[in-house]
C-alpha atoms as a PDB file:
ATOM      1  CA  UNK A   1      49.426  -8.834 -76.409  1.00  0.00           C
ATOM      2  CA  UNK A   2      48.496  -7.428 -79.808  1.00  0.00           C
ATOM      3  CA  UNK A   3      51.015  -4.604 -79.406  1.00  0.00           C
ATOM      4  CA  UNK A   4      53.804  -7.099 -78.789  1.00  0.00           C
ATOM      5  CA  UNK A   5      52.752  -9.161 -81.816  1.00  0.00           C
ATOM      6  CA  UNK A   6      52.770  -6.103 -84.076  1.00  0.00           C
ATOM      7  CA  UNK A   7      56.118  -4.969 -82.693  1.00  0.00           C
ATOM      8  CA  UNK A   8      57.621  -8.415 -83.270  1.00  0.00           C
ATOM      9  CA  UNK A   9      56.375  -8.448 -86.879  1.00  0.00           C
ATOM     10  CA  UNK A  10      57.903  -5.019 -87.548  1.00  0.00           C
ATOM     11  CA  UNK A  11      61.273  -5.805 -85.994  1.00  0.00           C
ATOM     12  CA  UNK A  12      61.565  -9.403 -87.285  1.00  0.00           C
ATOM     13  CA  UNK A  13      60.538  -8.832 -90.870  1.00  0.00           C
ATOM     14  CA  UNK A  14      62.444 -11.814 -92.275  1.00  0.00           C
ATOM     15  CA  UNK A  15      60.863 -14.276 -89.853  1.00  0.00           C
ATOM     16  CA  UNK A  16      57.410 -12.773 -90.448  1.00  0.00           C
ATOM     17  CA  UNK A  17      57.815 -13.036 -94.225  1.00  0.00           C
ATOM     18  CA  UNK A  18      59.051 -16.631 -93.959  1.00  0.00           C
ATOM     19  CA  UNK A  19      56.071 -17.609 -91.808  1.00  0.00           C
ATOM     20  CA  UNK A  20      53.690 -15.933 -94.256  1.00  0.00           C
ATOM     21  CA  UNK A  21      55.229 -17.800 -97.202  1.00  0.00           C
ATOM     22  CA  UNK A  22      55.141 -21.063 -95.272  1.00  0.00           C
ATOM     23  CA  UNK A  23      51.464 -20.634 -94.411  1.00  0.00           C
ATOM     24  CA  UNK A  24      50.676 -19.683 -98.008  1.00  0.00           C
ATOM     25  CA  UNK A  25      52.445 -22.777 -99.356  1.00  0.00           C
ATOM     26  CA  UNK A  26      50.713 -25.024 -96.834  1.00  0.00           C
ATOM     27  CA  UNK A  27      47.372 -23.514 -97.822  1.00  0.00           C
ATOM     28  CA  UNK A  28      47.982 -24.143-101.523  1.00  0.00           C
ATOM     29  CA  UNK A  29      48.982 -27.774-100.880  1.00  0.00           C
ATOM     30  CA  UNK A  30      45.960 -28.323 -98.631  1.00  0.00           C
ATOM     31  CA  UNK A  31      43.668 -26.818-101.253  1.00  0.00           C
ATOM     32  CA  UNK A  32      44.851 -29.252-103.925  1.00  0.00           C
ATOM     33  CA  UNK A  33      44.497 -32.203-101.551  1.00  0.00           C
ATOM     34  CA  UNK A  34      41.061 -31.156-100.306  1.00  0.00           C
ATOM     35  CA  UNK A  35      38.334 -33.558-101.552  1.00  0.00           C
ATOM     36  CA  UNK A  36      35.727 -31.531-103.401  1.00  0.00           C
ATOM     37  CA  UNK A  37      32.296 -32.835-104.392  1.00  0.00           C
ATOM     38  CA  UNK A  38      29.743 -31.074-106.537  1.00  0.00           C
ATOM     39  CA  UNK A  39      26.966 -32.438-104.328  1.00  0.00           C
ATOM     40  CA  UNK A  40      28.429 -33.352-100.929  1.00  0.00           C
ATOM     41  CA  UNK A  41      26.518 -35.875 -98.868  1.00  0.00           C
ATOM     42  CA  UNK A  42      25.344 -34.056 -95.756  1.00  0.00           C
ATOM     43  CA  UNK A  43      22.784 -36.670 -94.770  1.00  0.00           C
ATOM     44  CA  UNK A  44      22.842 -38.843 -91.685  1.00  0.00           C
ATOM     45  CA  UNK A  45      24.506 -42.232 -91.553  1.00  0.00           C
ATOM     46  CA  UNK A  46      21.605 -44.504 -92.497  1.00  0.00           C
ATOM     47  CA  UNK A  47      20.990 -48.232 -92.760  1.00  0.00           C
ATOM     48  CA  UNK A  48      17.848 -49.414 -94.514  1.00  0.00           C
ATOM     49  CA  UNK A  49      16.352 -52.827 -93.735  1.00  0.00           C
ATOM     50  CA  UNK A  50      13.999 -54.087 -96.457  1.00  0.00           C
ATOM     51  CA  UNK A  51      11.892 -57.222 -96.017  1.00  0.00           C
ATOM     52  CA  UNK A  52       9.633 -58.693 -98.688  1.00  0.00           C
ATOM     53  CA  UNK A  53       6.774 -60.938 -97.572  1.00  0.00           C
ATOM     54  CA  UNK A  54       4.504 -61.222-100.616  1.00  0.00           C
ATOM     55  CA  UNK A  55       0.803 -61.851-100.265  1.00  0.00           C
ATOM     56  CA  UNK A  56       0.379 -60.610 -96.683  1.00  0.00           C
ATOM     57  CA  UNK A  57      -1.573 -57.595 -95.474  1.00  0.00           C
ATOM     58  CA  UNK A  58       0.153 -54.605 -93.916  1.00  0.00           C
ATOM     59  CA  UNK A  59      -1.205 -55.518 -90.458  1.00  0.00           C
ATOM     60  CA  UNK A  60       0.449 -58.949 -90.524  1.00  0.00           C
ATOM     61  CA  UNK A  61       3.678 -57.544 -91.951  1.00  0.00           C
ATOM     62  CA  UNK A  62       3.872 -54.929 -89.204  1.00  0.00           C
ATOM     63  CA  UNK A  63       3.067 -57.347 -86.379  1.00  0.00           C
ATOM     64  CA  UNK A  64       5.275 -60.253 -87.476  1.00  0.00           C
ATOM     65  CA  UNK A  65       8.158 -58.454 -89.225  1.00  0.00           C
ATOM     66  CA  UNK A  66       8.397 -54.709 -88.587  1.00  0.00           C
ATOM     67  CA  UNK A  67       7.899 -54.758 -84.811  1.00  0.00           C
ATOM     68  CA  UNK A  68      10.308 -57.679 -84.115  1.00  0.00           C
ATOM     69  CA  UNK A  69      12.979 -56.035 -86.271  1.00  0.00           C
ATOM     70  CA  UNK A  70      12.483 -52.671 -84.576  1.00  0.00           C
ATOM     71  CA  UNK A  71      12.894 -54.278 -81.156  1.00  0.00           C
ATOM     72  CA  UNK A  72      16.249 -55.727 -82.195  1.00  0.00           C
ATOM     73  CA  UNK A  73      17.546 -52.666 -84.073  1.00  0.00           C
ATOM     74  CA  UNK A  74      16.682 -50.279 -81.238  1.00  0.00           C
ATOM     75  CA  UNK A  75      19.416 -51.806 -79.099  1.00  0.00           C
ATOM     76  CA  UNK A  76      22.287 -50.822 -81.410  1.00  0.00           C
ATOM     77  CA  UNK A  77      24.699 -48.234 -80.036  1.00  0.00           C
ATOM     78  CA  UNK A  78      24.695 -44.691 -81.505  1.00  0.00           C
ATOM     79  CA  UNK A  79      21.207 -45.050 -82.995  1.00  0.00           C
ATOM     80  CA  UNK A  80      19.548 -41.627 -82.990  1.00  0.00           C
ATOM     81  CA  UNK A  81      16.300 -42.283 -84.825  1.00  0.00           C
ATOM     82  CA  UNK A  82      14.325 -45.179 -86.240  1.00  0.00           C
ATOM     83  CA  UNK A  83      11.492 -44.908 -88.751  1.00  0.00           C
ATOM     84  CA  UNK A  84       9.487 -47.662 -90.444  1.00  0.00           C
ATOM     85  CA  UNK A  85       6.986 -47.959 -93.283  1.00  0.00           C
ATOM     86  CA  UNK A  86       4.824 -51.043 -93.672  1.00  0.00           C
ATOM     87  CA  UNK A  87       2.892 -51.796 -96.852  1.00  0.00           C
ATOM     88  CA  UNK A  88       1.222 -54.799 -98.441  1.00  0.00           C
ATOM     89  CA  UNK A  89       3.946 -57.453 -98.513  1.00  0.00           C
ATOM     90  CA  UNK A  90       6.742 -54.992 -97.657  1.00  0.00           C
ATOM     91  CA  UNK A  91       8.500 -53.746 -94.527  1.00  0.00           C
ATOM     92  CA  UNK A  92      10.953 -50.860 -94.789  1.00  0.00           C
ATOM     93  CA  UNK A  93      12.899 -49.717 -91.713  1.00  0.00           C
ATOM     94  CA  UNK A  94      15.347 -46.791 -91.729  1.00  0.00           C
ATOM     95  CA  UNK A  95      17.887 -46.648 -88.897  1.00  0.00           C
ATOM     96  CA  UNK A  96      19.761 -43.357 -88.430  1.00  0.00           C
ATOM     97  CA  UNK A  97      23.071 -43.193 -86.557  1.00  0.00           C
ATOM     98  CA  UNK A  98      25.014 -40.391 -84.898  1.00  0.00           C
ATOM     99  CA  UNK A  99      27.355 -38.265 -87.002  1.00  0.00           C
ATOM    100  CA  UNK A 100      30.779 -39.791 -87.430  1.00  0.00           C
ATOM    101  CA  UNK A 101      29.582 -43.392 -87.249  1.00  0.00           C
ATOM    102  CA  UNK A 102      31.338 -45.642 -89.743  1.00  0.00           C
ATOM    103  CA  UNK A 103      28.953 -46.860 -92.437  1.00  0.00           C
ATOM    104  CA  UNK A 104      30.339 -50.382 -92.540  1.00  0.00           C
ATOM    105  CA  UNK A 105      30.254 -50.710 -88.752  1.00  0.00           C
ATOM    106  CA  UNK A 106      26.626 -49.595 -88.724  1.00  0.00           C
ATOM    107  CA  UNK A 107      25.689 -52.106 -91.421  1.00  0.00           C
ATOM    108  CA  UNK A 108      27.496 -54.905 -89.603  1.00  0.00           C
ATOM    109  CA  UNK A 109      25.648 -54.150 -86.368  1.00  0.00           C
ATOM    110  CA  UNK A 110      22.310 -54.052 -88.179  1.00  0.00           C
ATOM    111  CA  UNK A 111      23.013 -57.352 -89.936  1.00  0.00           C
ATOM    112  CA  UNK A 112      23.874 -59.046 -86.645  1.00  0.00           C
ATOM    113  CA  UNK A 113      20.661 -57.824 -85.025  1.00  0.00           C
ATOM    114  CA  UNK A 114      18.537 -58.930 -87.985  1.00  0.00           C
ATOM    115  CA  UNK A 115      19.650 -62.540 -87.560  1.00  0.00           C
ATOM    116  CA  UNK A 116      18.432 -62.473 -83.948  1.00  0.00           C
ATOM    117  CA  UNK A 117      14.865 -61.455 -84.828  1.00  0.00           C
ATOM    118  CA  UNK A 118      12.150 -64.125 -84.778  1.00  0.00           C
ATOM    119  CA  UNK A 119      10.599 -63.797 -88.242  1.00  0.00           C
ATOM    120  CA  UNK A 120       8.449 -66.002 -90.507  1.00  0.00           C
ATOM    121  CA  UNK A 121      10.433 -68.612 -92.391  1.00  0.00           C
ATOM    122  CA  UNK A 122       9.652 -67.221 -95.841  1.00  0.00           C
ATOM    123  CA  UNK A 123      10.488 -63.611 -94.905  1.00  0.00           C
ATOM    124  CA  UNK A 124      14.059 -62.691 -95.834  1.00  0.00           C
ATOM    125  CA  UNK A 125      15.222 -59.266 -94.579  1.00  0.00           C
ATOM    126  CA  UNK A 126      18.096 -57.586 -96.398  1.00  0.00           C
ATOM    127  CA  UNK A 127      20.056 -54.356 -96.099  1.00  0.00           C
ATOM    128  CA  UNK A 128      19.518 -51.615 -98.629  1.00  0.00           C
ATOM    129  CA  UNK A 129      22.435 -50.478-100.804  1.00  0.00           C
ATOM    130  CA  UNK A 130      25.154 -48.252 -99.368  1.00  0.00           C
ATOM    131  CA  UNK A 131      24.242 -45.130-101.316  1.00  0.00           C
ATOM    132  CA  UNK A 132      23.485 -41.464-100.790  1.00  0.00           C
ATOM    133  CA  UNK A 133      20.101 -39.788-100.942  1.00  0.00           C
ATOM    134  CA  UNK A 134      21.473 -37.621-103.762  1.00  0.00           C
ATOM    135  CA  UNK A 135      23.123 -40.529-105.569  1.00  0.00           C
ATOM    136  CA  UNK A 136      20.566 -40.813-108.372  1.00  0.00           C
ATOM    137  CA  UNK A 137      22.389 -40.070-111.611  1.00  0.00           C
ATOM    138  CA  UNK A 138      20.225 -41.165-114.532  1.00  0.00           C
ATOM    139  CA  UNK A 139      16.677 -42.093-115.532  1.00  0.00           C
ATOM    140  CA  UNK A 140      15.535 -43.779-118.722  1.00  0.00           C
ATOM    141  CA  UNK A 141      12.527 -45.581-120.202  1.00  0.00           C
ATOM    142  CA  UNK A 142      12.228 -48.624-122.453  1.00  0.00           C
ATOM    143  CA  UNK A 143       9.928 -48.239-125.433  1.00  0.00           C
ATOM    144  CA  UNK A 144       8.952 -50.600-128.228  1.00  0.00           C
ATOM    145  CA  UNK A 145       6.069 -50.896-130.662  1.00  0.00           C
ATOM    146  CA  UNK A 146       6.406 -54.673-130.975  1.00  0.00           C
ATOM    147  CA  UNK A 147       7.711 -55.976-127.615  1.00  0.00           C
ATOM    148  CA  UNK A 148       5.034 -56.290-124.885  1.00  0.00           C
ATOM    149  CA  UNK A 149       5.468 -54.310-121.685  1.00  0.00           C
ATOM    150  CA  UNK A 150       5.933 -57.456-119.597  1.00  0.00           C
ATOM    151  CA  UNK A 151       8.853 -58.508-121.812  1.00  0.00           C
ATOM    152  CA  UNK A 152      10.429 -55.044-121.540  1.00  0.00           C
ATOM    153  CA  UNK A 153      10.226 -55.410-117.769  1.00  0.00           C
ATOM    154  CA  UNK A 154      11.959 -58.801-117.989  1.00  0.00           C
ATOM    155  CA  UNK A 155      14.717 -57.298-120.169  1.00  0.00           C
ATOM    156  CA  UNK A 156      15.201 -54.535-117.621  1.00  0.00           C
ATOM    157  CA  UNK A 157      15.378 -56.928-114.651  1.00  0.00           C
ATOM    158  CA  UNK A 158      17.471 -59.707-116.170  1.00  0.00           C
ATOM    159  CA  UNK A 159      19.682 -57.963-118.735  1.00  0.00           C
ATOM    160  CA  UNK A 160      20.074 -54.214-118.289  1.00  0.00           C
ATOM    161  CA  UNK A 161      20.086 -54.184-114.497  1.00  0.00           C
ATOM    162  CA  UNK A 162      22.836 -56.806-114.341  1.00  0.00           C
ATOM    163  CA  UNK A 163      24.967 -54.876-116.818  1.00  0.00           C
ATOM    164  CA  UNK A 164      24.558 -51.594-114.946  1.00  0.00           C
ATOM    165  CA  UNK A 165      25.545 -53.234-111.660  1.00  0.00           C
ATOM    166  CA  UNK A 166      28.890 -54.206-113.205  1.00  0.00           C
ATOM    167  CA  UNK A 167      29.843 -50.531-113.626  1.00  0.00           C
ATOM    168  CA  UNK A 168      32.255 -49.375-110.882  1.00  0.00           C
ATOM    169  CA  UNK A 169      30.565 -46.981-108.481  1.00  0.00           C
ATOM    170  CA  UNK A 170      26.993 -48.104-109.183  1.00  0.00           C
ATOM    171  CA  UNK A 171      25.422 -49.154-105.873  1.00  0.00           C
ATOM    172  CA  UNK A 172      21.899 -50.000-106.966  1.00  0.00           C
ATOM    173  CA  UNK A 173      19.503 -50.000-109.910  1.00  0.00           C
ATOM    174  CA  UNK A 174      15.827 -49.332-109.185  1.00  0.00           C
ATOM    175  CA  UNK A 175      13.117 -50.216-111.687  1.00  0.00           C
ATOM    176  CA  UNK A 176       9.608 -48.776-111.910  1.00  0.00           C
ATOM    177  CA  UNK A 177       6.629 -49.622-114.040  1.00  0.00           C
ATOM    178  CA  UNK A 178       5.636 -52.709-115.947  1.00  0.00           C
ATOM    179  CA  UNK A 179       4.616 -56.032-114.510  1.00  0.00           C
ATOM    180  CA  UNK A 180       6.981 -58.654-113.141  1.00  0.00           C
ATOM    181  CA  UNK A 181       6.698 -61.723-115.366  1.00  0.00           C
ATOM    182  CA  UNK A 182       5.309 -64.843-113.737  1.00  0.00           C
ATOM    183  CA  UNK A 183       4.378 -68.371-114.747  1.00  0.00           C
ATOM    184  CA  UNK A 184       0.949 -68.780-113.188  1.00  0.00           C
ATOM    185  CA  UNK A 185      -1.182 -71.838-112.458  1.00  0.00           C
ATOM    186  CA  UNK A 186      -4.889 -70.966-112.349  1.00  0.00           C
ATOM    187  CA  UNK A 187      -6.478 -73.849-110.469  1.00  0.00           C
ATOM    188  CA  UNK A 188     -10.134 -74.725-111.064  1.00  0.00           C
ATOM    189  CA  UNK A 189     -11.770 -75.434-107.662  1.00  0.00           C
ATOM    190  CA  UNK A 190     -14.381 -77.717-109.247  1.00  0.00           C
ATOM    191  CA  UNK A 191     -11.718 -79.909-110.862  1.00  0.00           C
ATOM    192  CA  UNK A 192      -9.768 -79.929-107.617  1.00  0.00           C
ATOM    193  CA  UNK A 193     -12.789 -81.224-105.708  1.00  0.00           C
ATOM    194  CA  UNK A 194     -13.486 -83.746-108.451  1.00  0.00           C
ATOM    195  CA  UNK A 195     -10.051 -85.310-107.974  1.00  0.00           C
ATOM    196  CA  UNK A 196     -10.281 -84.949-104.172  1.00  0.00           C
ATOM    197  CA  UNK A 197      -7.103 -82.871-104.059  1.00  0.00           C
ATOM    198  CA  UNK A 198      -6.072 -79.781-102.097  1.00  0.00           C
ATOM    199  CA  UNK A 199      -4.441 -76.592-103.274  1.00  0.00           C
ATOM    200  CA  UNK A 200      -1.423 -77.332-101.077  1.00  0.00           C
ATOM    201  CA  UNK A 201      -0.815 -80.554-103.002  1.00  0.00           C
ATOM    202  CA  UNK A 202      -0.590 -78.535-106.220  1.00  0.00           C
ATOM    203  CA  UNK A 203       1.816 -76.062-104.591  1.00  0.00           C
ATOM    204  CA  UNK A 204       4.030 -78.821-103.226  1.00  0.00           C
ATOM    205  CA  UNK A 205       4.064 -80.759-106.504  1.00  0.00           C
ATOM    206  CA  UNK A 206       5.078 -77.748-108.592  1.00  0.00           C
ATOM    207  CA  UNK A 207       7.778 -76.708-106.106  1.00  0.00           C
ATOM    208  CA  UNK A 208       9.203 -80.227-105.758  1.00  0.00           C
ATOM    209  CA  UNK A 209       9.480 -80.780-109.513  1.00  0.00           C
ATOM    210  CA  UNK A 210      11.224 -77.515-110.350  1.00  0.00           C
ATOM    211  CA  UNK A 211      14.771 -78.525-109.450  1.00  0.00           C
ATOM    212  CA  UNK A 212      17.799 -80.422-110.686  1.00  0.00           C
ATOM    213  CA  UNK A 213      19.186 -83.431-108.841  1.00  0.00           C
ATOM    214  CA  UNK A 214      22.697 -84.803-108.524  1.00  0.00           C
ATOM    215  CA  UNK A 215      23.458 -88.513-108.845  1.00  0.00           C
ATOM    216  CA  UNK A 216      27.188 -88.681-108.170  1.00  0.00           C
ATOM    217  CA  UNK A 217      29.069 -90.240-111.114  1.00  0.00           C
ATOM    218  CA  UNK A 218      29.443 -93.482-113.092  1.00  0.00           C
ATOM    219  CA  UNK A 219      32.931 -94.901-113.847  1.00  0.00           C
ATOM    220  CA  UNK A 220      33.498 -95.326-117.572  1.00  0.00           C
ATOM    221  CA  UNK A 221      36.994 -96.613-118.208  1.00  0.00           C
ATOM    222  CA  UNK A 222      39.462 -93.908-117.260  1.00  0.00           C
ATOM    223  CA  UNK A 223      36.700 -91.324-117.079  1.00  0.00           C
ATOM    224  CA  UNK A 224      33.972 -90.509-114.567  1.00  0.00           C
ATOM    225  CA  UNK A 225      30.619 -89.501-116.054  1.00  0.00           C
ATOM    226  CA  UNK A 226      28.604 -87.111-113.914  1.00  0.00           C
ATOM    227  CA  UNK A 227      24.979 -88.112-113.368  1.00  0.00           C
ATOM    228  CA  UNK A 228      22.472 -85.266-113.366  1.00  0.00           C
ATOM    229  CA  UNK A 229      18.719 -85.176-113.131  1.00  0.00           C
ATOM    230  CA  UNK A 230      17.448 -82.183-115.126  1.00  0.00           C
ATOM    231  CA  UNK A 231      14.141 -81.045-113.682  1.00  0.00           C
ATOM    232  CA  UNK A 232      14.041 -77.261-113.967  1.00  0.00           C
ATOM    233  CA  UNK A 233      11.057 -75.966-115.877  1.00  0.00           C
ATOM    234  CA  UNK A 234      11.813 -74.746-119.387  1.00  0.00           C
ATOM    235  CA  UNK A 235       8.335 -73.693-120.410  1.00  0.00           C
ATOM    236  CA  UNK A 236       4.602 -73.931-119.836  1.00  0.00           C
ATOM    237  CA  UNK A 237       4.388 -77.537-121.038  1.00  0.00           C
ATOM    238  CA  UNK A 238       6.803 -78.697-118.335  1.00  0.00           C
ATOM    239  CA  UNK A 239       4.559 -77.189-115.658  1.00  0.00           C
ATOM    240  CA  UNK A 240       1.428 -78.681-117.210  1.00  0.00           C
ATOM    241  CA  UNK A 241       2.957 -82.176-117.117  1.00  0.00           C
ATOM    242  CA  UNK A 242       3.802 -82.108-113.399  1.00  0.00           C
ATOM    243  CA  UNK A 243       2.106 -85.008-111.600  1.00  0.00           C
ATOM    244  CA  UNK A 244       0.129 -83.866-108.572  1.00  0.00           C
ATOM    245  CA  UNK A 245      -1.129 -87.284-107.464  1.00  0.00           C
ATOM    246  CA  UNK A 246      -2.018 -90.731-108.781  1.00  0.00           C
ATOM    247  CA  UNK A 247      -5.502 -92.209-108.513  1.00  0.00           C
ATOM    248  CA  UNK A 248      -5.965 -95.882-109.332  1.00  0.00           C
ATOM    249  CA  UNK A 249      -2.720 -95.873-111.263  1.00  0.00           C
ATOM    250  CA  UNK A 250      -3.677 -92.844-113.360  1.00  0.00           C
ATOM    251  CA  UNK A 251      -1.549 -89.716-112.851  1.00  0.00           C
ATOM    252  CA  UNK A 252      -3.342 -86.440-112.192  1.00  0.00           C
ATOM    253  CA  UNK A 253      -1.337 -83.646-113.755  1.00  0.00           C
ATOM    254  CA  UNK A 254      -1.423 -79.903-113.274  1.00  0.00           C
ATOM    255  CA  UNK A 255      -3.204 -79.450-116.605  1.00  0.00           C
ATOM    256  CA  UNK A 256      -6.011 -81.670-115.301  1.00  0.00           C
ATOM    257  CA  UNK A 257      -6.848 -79.323-112.420  1.00  0.00           C
ATOM    258  CA  UNK A 258      -6.157 -75.917-113.959  1.00  0.00           C
ATOM    259  CA  UNK A 259      -4.581 -73.807-116.653  1.00  0.00           C
ATOM    260  CA  UNK A 260      -0.955 -72.690-116.896  1.00  0.00           C
ATOM    261  CA  UNK A 261      -0.119 -69.346-118.450  1.00  0.00           C
ATOM    262  CA  UNK A 262       2.140 -66.314-118.341  1.00  0.00           C
ATOM    263  CA  UNK A 263       1.046 -63.275-116.355  1.00  0.00           C
ATOM    264  CA  UNK A 264       2.467 -60.650-114.041  1.00  0.00           C
ATOM    265  CA  UNK A 265       2.584 -60.099-110.303  1.00  0.00           C
ATOM    266  CA  UNK A 266       0.093 -57.822-108.564  1.00  0.00           C
ATOM    267  CA  UNK A 267       0.954 -54.229-109.397  1.00  0.00           C
ATOM    268  CA  UNK A 268       0.805 -51.487-106.782  1.00  0.00           C
ATOM    269  CA  UNK A 269       1.457 -48.571-109.151  1.00  0.00           C
ATOM    270  CA  UNK A 270       2.307 -47.435-112.672  1.00  0.00           C
ATOM    271  CA  UNK A 271       4.941 -45.242-114.308  1.00  0.00           C
ATOM    272  CA  UNK A 272       3.928 -42.644-116.850  1.00  0.00           C
ATOM    273  CA  UNK A 273       5.616 -39.914-118.878  1.00  0.00           C
ATOM    274  CA  UNK A 274       4.045 -37.277-121.103  1.00  0.00           C
ATOM    275  CA  UNK A 275       1.131 -38.996-122.860  1.00  0.00           C
ATOM    276  CA  UNK A 276       2.240 -42.560-122.053  1.00  0.00           C
ATOM    277  CA  UNK A 277       0.401 -43.929-119.028  1.00  0.00           C
ATOM    278  CA  UNK A 278       2.345 -47.173-118.645  1.00  0.00           C
ATOM    279  CA  UNK A 279       6.108 -47.448-119.149  1.00  0.00           C
ATOM    280  CA  UNK A 280       9.153 -49.279-117.803  1.00  0.00           C
END
C-alpha cells in the first residue's frame, strides 16, 4: 500500500503538489479561524444552586433545604456528580454534567427542578452565575481614613457592584469583608412585657409599615391625579414612629419598646491585606 502511494506521488508530481498546496492553504485558513484562549476552560459543565436562609443553623438548612434540593437535582439527565456544602444560613449545591452538555440546557433543567422542591417559604434558591472557575480577572480594596467600613461596604454593594455588572462580559461581582449595613431594632424584653406585647407584633408592625400603597387616581378637570401612599422608611425616625399597638387609645410605638439604630449583619469572616486586618 505504501509502495503504491510513493509510486503515485513520484509519477503524478503535479497532482501531488496541488494536493500539498491545497492542504497547506486549508491549514492556514483553519489556523486563523481557530478560537484561541490564553486560559481555556477545561472544567466540567457546572450549575451552582445557592440558597440563603438567614438565622438558621446548618442542621436545619441541610435537612429542610439541601436534602430536598439534592433529591430533585439528582434526577436530571447527564448529571455525573453532585456535591453540597451547608453552612449557617447558606446552602450551596454544585451539580456537574457530562462533557458536551449545553450550559443553558443544564441551567434550565436545574431551574425547573428547583421549583418542584418543597422548601420553606422564606428560602429563595437561585442559580449561580454562568462563569468559569478561572474567570476571576481583578481584585481591589476600598480604603478611606474618614468613611467608616460599614459605609464602604454599602458603596461597594449599591454603587460599584452595579456599575461593574453593566460591563459586557462581567458575569458576577463578589464582595468580601466589611459588614452589611442594617437598620436594627433592639427590643427591650422588660418594656415588651410592660405593654403586654409580643416580639412578633413588633416584626409584623415594622414589615407592614415599610411599603408604599396605590390609591388609583382622582379626576381633576382634564387631568387624572395619581394617588400614592408613601410609607417606605427614609431614616431611623420613621422606624421609631411605627405604631405597634394601641392601648386605651394611646399608641405604642417602636421607640417605646426598644431602640432603633444602624448596625451590621452577623459576620462569618474578615478580609485582611498586609497590616490591615479588616478591609472591603
